[in-house]
């Protein structure tokens, strides 16, 4: 069995982080899964999270959630 590539690892960890972010939004706001997905996917964090070279995907989902909330507050002002 061969080792996973950097891209495969990045994709797996990004998808895991996204699913956890959606759960956190649903828990904190009581919104539907569709609304939570919209918030996460339209957040200021998404471009940075999808950038494999930045390796933000290796951070914990809890950290990413706090970062997402802070970034969105900054950009809303």
Protein backbone atom coordinates (compact mmCIF):
# COMPACT_ATOMS: atom_id res chain seq x y z
CA UNK A 1 0.00 0.00 0.00
CA UNK A 2 1.43 3.37 -0.99
CA UNK A 3 1.61 6.46 1.16
CA UNK A 4 -1.04 9.13 0.59
CA UNK A 5 0.11 12.18 -1.33
CA UNK A 6 0.31 15.66 0.16
CA UNK A 7 -2.77 16.61 -1.86
CA UNK A 8 -4.76 13.62 -0.55
CA UNK A 9 -3.86 14.46 3.04
CA UNK A 10 -4.72 18.13 2.53
CA UNK A 11 -8.07 17.23 0.97
CA UNK A 12 -8.93 14.82 3.79
CA UNK A 13 -8.02 17.28 6.54
CA UNK A 14 -9.79 20.18 4.82
CA UNK A 15 -12.98 18.15 4.42
CA UNK A 16 -12.81 17.08 8.06
CA UNK A 17 -12.31 20.68 9.21
CA UNK A 18 -15.22 21.86 7.06
CA UNK A 19 -17.58 19.25 8.48
CA UNK A 20 -16.60 20.24 12.02
CA UNK A 21 -17.02 23.95 11.25
CA UNK A 22 -20.53 23.29 9.98
CA UNK A 23 -21.33 21.38 13.18
CA UNK A 24 -20.01 24.24 15.32
CA UNK A 25 -22.10 26.80 13.46
CA UNK A 26 -25.22 24.66 13.84
CA UNK A 27 -24.59 24.18 17.56
CA UNK A 28 -23.88 27.86 18.22
CA UNK A 29 -26.67 29.35 16.13
CA UNK A 30 -29.32 26.64 15.97
CA UNK A 31 -29.53 27.06 12.20
CA UNK A 32 -30.09 24.34 9.61
CA UNK A 33 -27.25 22.41 8.01
CA UNK A 34 -27.82 24.32 4.77
CA UNK A 35 -27.52 27.68 6.53
CA UNK A 36 -24.43 26.53 8.41
CA UNK A 37 -22.81 25.31 5.19
CA UNK A 38 -23.57 28.64 3.52
CA UNK A 39 -21.96 30.54 6.41
CA UNK A 40 -18.84 28.37 6.38
CA UNK A 41 -18.40 28.23 2.60
CA UNK A 42 -18.94 31.99 2.24
CA UNK A 43 -16.67 32.87 5.16
CA UNK A 44 -13.46 34.84 4.84
CA UNK A 45 -11.61 31.74 6.04
CA UNK A 46 -12.46 29.55 3.02
CA UNK A 47 -9.83 30.82 0.56
CA UNK A 48 -7.08 30.42 3.15
CA UNK A 49 -8.32 26.99 4.21
CA UNK A 50 -8.37 25.78 0.61
CA UNK A 51 -4.81 26.99 -0.03
CA UNK A 52 -2.74 23.82 0.33
CA UNK A 53 0.51 25.75 0.49
CA UNK A 54 -0.67 27.71 3.53
CA UNK A 55 -1.36 24.44 5.37
CA UNK A 56 -4.05 26.05 7.54
CA UNK A 57 -5.93 22.75 7.31
CA UNK A 58 -3.54 21.20 9.86
CA UNK A 59 -4.97 23.41 12.61
CA UNK A 60 -7.69 22.11 14.90
CA UNK A 61 -11.29 22.72 13.84
CA UNK A 62 -11.90 24.60 17.11
CA UNK A 63 -9.07 27.02 16.29
CA UNK A 64 -10.34 27.40 12.73
CA UNK A 65 -13.83 28.16 14.02
CA UNK A 66 -12.54 30.95 16.26
CA UNK A 67 -10.44 32.29 13.40
CA UNK A 68 -13.42 32.19 11.03
CA UNK A 69 -15.57 34.14 13.48
CA UNK A 70 -12.86 36.74 14.08
CA UNK A 71 -12.16 37.21 10.37
CA UNK A 72 -15.82 37.60 9.54
CA UNK A 73 -16.27 40.18 12.32
CA UNK A 74 -13.33 42.17 10.98
CA UNK A 75 -14.63 42.14 7.40
CA UNK A 76 -18.20 43.01 8.42
CA UNK A 77 -17.08 46.29 10.02
